[in-house]
Amino acid sequence: MGMNATQLIKMANQIGAFFASQPNAAQARADFAVHLKKQWDPQMRVALYAHIDASAGEGLSAFALEAMRDQRAEIEPVAKSA
């Protein structure tokens, strides 16, 4: 099941809109990261980072992009070494 960047961006923006309403911005970004790590398949997270790296995060909300960058170490799956 491949997901294209457009679908991933839409989902990340919807999740971001929910967390962005929290009063503490740093906590909101951390909670966003936890949600993606728990709910999103590793391939989805890899694909969204590929999009961010290729296009500077085109289409992502300011909150979602900032959270993705700020929390990259937390969200991005670690490549499994063979």
N, C-alpha and C. Protein backbone atom coordinates (compact mmCIF):
# COMPACT_ATOMS: atom_id res chain seq x y z
N MET A 1 0.84 -1.19 0.00
CA MET A 1 0.00 0.00 0.00
C MET A 1 0.88 1.24 0.00
N GLY A 2 1.03 1.87 -1.14
CA GLY A 2 1.85 3.07 -1.19
C GLY A 2 0.98 4.30 -0.90
N MET A 3 1.52 5.21 -0.14
CA MET A 3 0.80 6.47 0.11
C MET A 3 1.58 7.58 -0.54
N ASN A 4 0.89 8.44 -1.26
CA ASN A 4 1.63 9.51 -1.89
C ASN A 4 1.80 10.67 -0.92
N ALA A 5 2.72 11.56 -1.26
CA ALA A 5 3.05 12.68 -0.39
C ALA A 5 1.83 13.53 -0.09
N THR A 6 0.96 13.71 -1.09
CA THR A 6 -0.23 14.56 -0.88
C THR A 6 -1.09 14.04 0.26
N GLN A 7 -1.30 12.73 0.31
CA GLN A 7 -2.09 12.13 1.39
C GLN A 7 -1.38 12.29 2.74
N LEU A 8 -0.07 12.08 2.75
CA LEU A 8 0.69 12.18 3.99
C LEU A 8 0.68 13.61 4.51
N ILE A 9 0.83 14.57 3.60
CA ILE A 9 0.81 15.99 3.98
C ILE A 9 -0.54 16.35 4.59
N LYS A 10 -1.60 15.92 3.94
CA LYS A 10 -2.95 16.21 4.43
C LYS A 10 -3.14 15.65 5.84
N MET A 11 -2.71 14.41 6.04
CA MET A 11 -2.84 13.78 7.35
C MET A 11 -1.98 14.49 8.39
N ALA A 12 -0.74 14.80 8.04
CA ALA A 12 0.16 15.48 8.98
C ALA A 12 -0.40 16.85 9.36
N ASN A 13 -0.97 17.55 8.39
CA ASN A 13 -1.56 18.87 8.67
C ASN A 13 -2.77 18.75 9.59
N GLN A 14 -3.58 17.73 9.39
CA GLN A 14 -4.76 17.53 10.25
C GLN A 14 -4.32 17.22 11.68
N ILE A 15 -3.33 16.34 11.81
CA ILE A 15 -2.81 16.01 13.14
C ILE A 15 -2.16 17.25 13.76
N GLY A 16 -1.41 17.97 12.94
CA GLY A 16 -0.75 19.19 13.40
C GLY A 16 -1.75 20.22 13.90
N ALA A 17 -2.85 20.37 13.20
CA ALA A 17 -3.88 21.34 13.59
C ALA A 17 -4.44 21.01 14.97
N PHE A 18 -4.58 19.72 15.25
CA PHE A 18 -5.05 19.29 16.56
C PHE A 18 -4.04 19.66 17.65
N PHE A 19 -2.77 19.29 17.45
CA PHE A 19 -1.75 19.54 18.47
C PHE A 19 -1.37 21.02 18.57
N ALA A 20 -1.47 21.74 17.47
CA ALA A 20 -1.09 23.17 17.47
C ALA A 20 -1.96 24.00 18.39
N SER A 21 -3.14 23.49 18.74
CA SER A 21 -4.03 24.24 19.62
C SER A 21 -3.60 24.17 21.09
N GLN A 22 -2.63 23.32 21.40
CA GLN A 22 -2.14 23.21 22.78
C GLN A 22 -1.39 24.49 23.16
N PRO A 23 -1.50 24.91 24.43
CA PRO A 23 -0.85 26.16 24.84
C PRO A 23 0.67 26.13 24.82
N ASN A 24 1.27 24.97 25.08
CA ASN A 24 2.72 24.87 25.11
C ASN A 24 3.23 24.32 23.78
N ALA A 25 3.89 25.19 23.00
CA ALA A 25 4.31 24.81 21.64
C ALA A 25 5.31 23.66 21.63
N ALA A 26 6.27 23.68 22.54
CA ALA A 26 7.28 22.60 22.58
C ALA A 26 6.61 21.27 22.94
N GLN A 27 5.68 21.30 23.88
CA GLN A 27 4.96 20.08 24.26
C GLN A 27 4.09 19.61 23.10
N ALA A 28 3.50 20.56 22.39
CA ALA A 28 2.66 20.23 21.24
C ALA A 28 3.47 19.49 20.18
N ARG A 29 4.68 19.98 19.90
CA ARG A 29 5.55 19.32 18.91
C ARG A 29 5.94 17.92 19.38
N ALA A 30 6.24 17.80 20.68
CA ALA A 30 6.61 16.49 21.23
C ALA A 30 5.45 15.51 21.14
N ASP A 31 4.24 15.99 21.45
CA ASP A 31 3.05 15.13 21.38
C ASP A 31 2.74 14.72 19.94
N PHE A 32 2.94 15.64 19.00
CA PHE A 32 2.79 15.35 17.57
C PHE A 32 3.75 14.21 17.19
N ALA A 33 4.99 14.32 17.66
CA ALA A 33 6.01 13.30 17.34
C ALA A 33 5.60 11.93 17.89
N VAL A 34 5.13 11.91 19.12
CA VAL A 34 4.71 10.65 19.74
C VAL A 34 3.56 10.03 18.94
N HIS A 35 2.62 10.88 18.53
CA HIS A 35 1.48 10.38 17.76
C HIS A 35 1.95 9.74 16.45
N LEU A 36 2.81 10.44 15.71
CA LEU A 36 3.28 9.88 14.43
C LEU A 36 4.06 8.60 14.65
N LYS A 37 4.88 8.57 15.69
CA LYS A 37 5.69 7.37 15.94
C LYS A 37 4.81 6.17 16.27
N LYS A 38 3.73 6.40 17.04
CA LYS A 38 2.84 5.31 17.43
C LYS A 38 1.88 4.91 16.32
N GLN A 39 1.35 5.89 15.60
CA GLN A 39 0.25 5.64 14.67
C GLN A 39 0.67 5.43 13.22
N TRP A 40 1.81 5.97 12.84
CA TRP A 40 2.23 5.89 11.44
C TRP A 40 3.23 4.78 11.24
N ASP A 41 3.00 4.05 10.18
CA ASP A 41 3.90 3.04 9.70
C ASP A 41 5.28 3.68 9.39
N PRO A 42 6.39 2.96 9.63
CA PRO A 42 7.71 3.55 9.32
C PRO A 42 7.84 4.06 7.88
N GLN A 43 7.26 3.32 6.91
CA GLN A 43 7.34 3.75 5.51
C GLN A 43 6.68 5.11 5.29
N MET A 44 5.60 5.36 6.02
CA MET A 44 4.91 6.64 5.90
C MET A 44 5.80 7.77 6.41
N ARG A 45 6.46 7.52 7.54
CA ARG A 45 7.34 8.53 8.12
C ARG A 45 8.55 8.79 7.21
N VAL A 46 9.11 7.71 6.67
CA VAL A 46 10.24 7.84 5.74
C VAL A 46 9.81 8.65 4.51
N ALA A 47 8.63 8.34 3.98
CA ALA A 47 8.13 9.02 2.78
C ALA A 47 7.92 10.51 3.03
N LEU A 48 7.40 10.86 4.20
CA LEU A 48 7.17 12.27 4.49
C LEU A 48 8.50 13.01 4.64
N TYR A 49 9.49 12.39 5.28
CA TYR A 49 10.81 13.03 5.36
C TYR A 49 11.46 13.15 3.99
N ALA A 50 11.25 12.18 3.13
CA ALA A 50 11.78 12.28 1.76
C ALA A 50 11.18 13.50 1.06
N HIS A 51 9.88 13.71 1.26
CA HIS A 51 9.21 14.87 0.68
C HIS A 51 9.78 16.17 1.26
N ILE A 52 9.94 16.21 2.58
CA ILE A 52 10.48 17.41 3.23
C ILE A 52 11.88 17.72 2.69
N ASP A 53 12.71 16.69 2.57
CA ASP A 53 14.08 16.90 2.10
C ASP A 53 14.12 17.33 0.63
N ALA A 54 13.18 16.83 -0.16
CA ALA A 54 13.17 17.14 -1.59
C ALA A 54 12.55 18.50 -1.90
N SER A 55 11.62 18.96 -1.05
CA SER A 55 10.84 20.14 -1.42
C SER A 55 10.78 21.21 -0.34
N ALA A 56 11.61 21.07 0.70
CA ALA A 56 11.56 22.00 1.84
C ALA A 56 10.20 21.96 2.54
N GLY A 57 9.50 20.82 2.42
CA GLY A 57 8.24 20.65 3.14
C GLY A 57 7.05 21.32 2.50
N GLU A 58 7.10 21.49 1.20
CA GLU A 58 6.00 22.12 0.46
C GLU A 58 4.66 21.48 0.81
N GLY A 59 3.67 22.32 1.14
CA GLY A 59 2.33 21.83 1.43
C GLY A 59 2.06 21.60 2.91
N LEU A 60 3.12 21.45 3.69
CA LEU A 60 2.92 21.22 5.12
C LEU A 60 2.63 22.53 5.83
N SER A 61 1.78 22.45 6.85
CA SER A 61 1.52 23.63 7.67
C SER A 61 2.80 24.01 8.40
N ALA A 62 2.88 25.27 8.83
CA ALA A 62 4.06 25.74 9.57
C ALA A 62 4.29 24.87 10.81
N PHE A 63 3.20 24.56 11.52
CA PHE A 63 3.35 23.74 12.73
C PHE A 63 3.87 22.35 12.40
N ALA A 64 3.25 21.70 11.41
CA ALA A 64 3.64 20.32 11.08
C ALA A 64 5.09 20.27 10.62
N LEU A 65 5.49 21.23 9.79
CA LEU A 65 6.87 21.24 9.29
C LEU A 65 7.85 21.48 10.44
N GLU A 66 7.54 22.45 11.29
CA GLU A 66 8.42 22.74 12.42
C GLU A 66 8.53 21.53 13.34
N ALA A 67 7.41 20.88 13.59
CA ALA A 67 7.41 19.70 14.46
C ALA A 67 8.21 18.56 13.82
N MET A 68 8.05 18.36 12.52
CA MET A 68 8.78 17.30 11.82
C MET A 68 10.29 17.55 11.89
N ARG A 69 10.68 18.82 11.74
CA ARG A 69 12.11 19.16 11.79
C ARG A 69 12.64 19.07 13.22
N ASP A 70 11.89 19.65 14.15
CA ASP A 70 12.29 19.72 15.55
C ASP A 70 12.40 18.33 16.17
N GLN A 71 11.51 17.45 15.77
CA GLN A 71 11.40 16.12 16.39
C GLN A 71 11.91 15.01 15.46
N ARG A 72 12.73 15.36 14.49
CA ARG A 72 13.15 14.37 13.49
C ARG A 72 13.79 13.12 14.11
N ALA A 73 14.66 13.33 15.09
CA ALA A 73 15.34 12.18 15.71
C ALA A 73 14.34 11.23 16.35
N GLU A 74 13.24 11.79 16.82
CA GLU A 74 12.20 11.01 17.49
C GLU A 74 11.28 10.31 16.48
N ILE A 75 10.95 11.00 15.39
CA ILE A 75 9.94 10.52 14.44
C ILE A 75 10.54 9.61 13.37
N GLU A 76 11.70 9.98 12.85
CA GLU A 76 12.24 9.27 11.69
C GLU A 76 12.69 7.87 12.10
N PRO A 77 12.24 6.85 11.38
CA PRO A 77 12.67 5.49 11.73
C PRO A 77 14.17 5.34 11.53
N VAL A 78 14.77 4.60 12.40
CA VAL A 78 16.22 4.33 12.29
C VAL A 78 16.40 3.24 11.24
N ALA A 79 17.29 3.49 10.31
CA ALA A 79 17.55 2.50 9.26
C ALA A 79 18.10 1.23 9.90
N LYS A 80 17.54 0.11 9.55
CA LYS A 80 18.01 -1.16 10.08
C LYS A 80 19.26 -1.58 9.30
N SER A 81 20.35 -1.84 10.01
CA SER A 81 21.55 -2.29 9.31
C SER A 81 21.45 -3.79 9.07
N ALA A 82 21.85 -4.20 7.91
CA ALA A 82 21.69 -5.62 7.51
C ALA A 82 22.63 -6.50 8.29
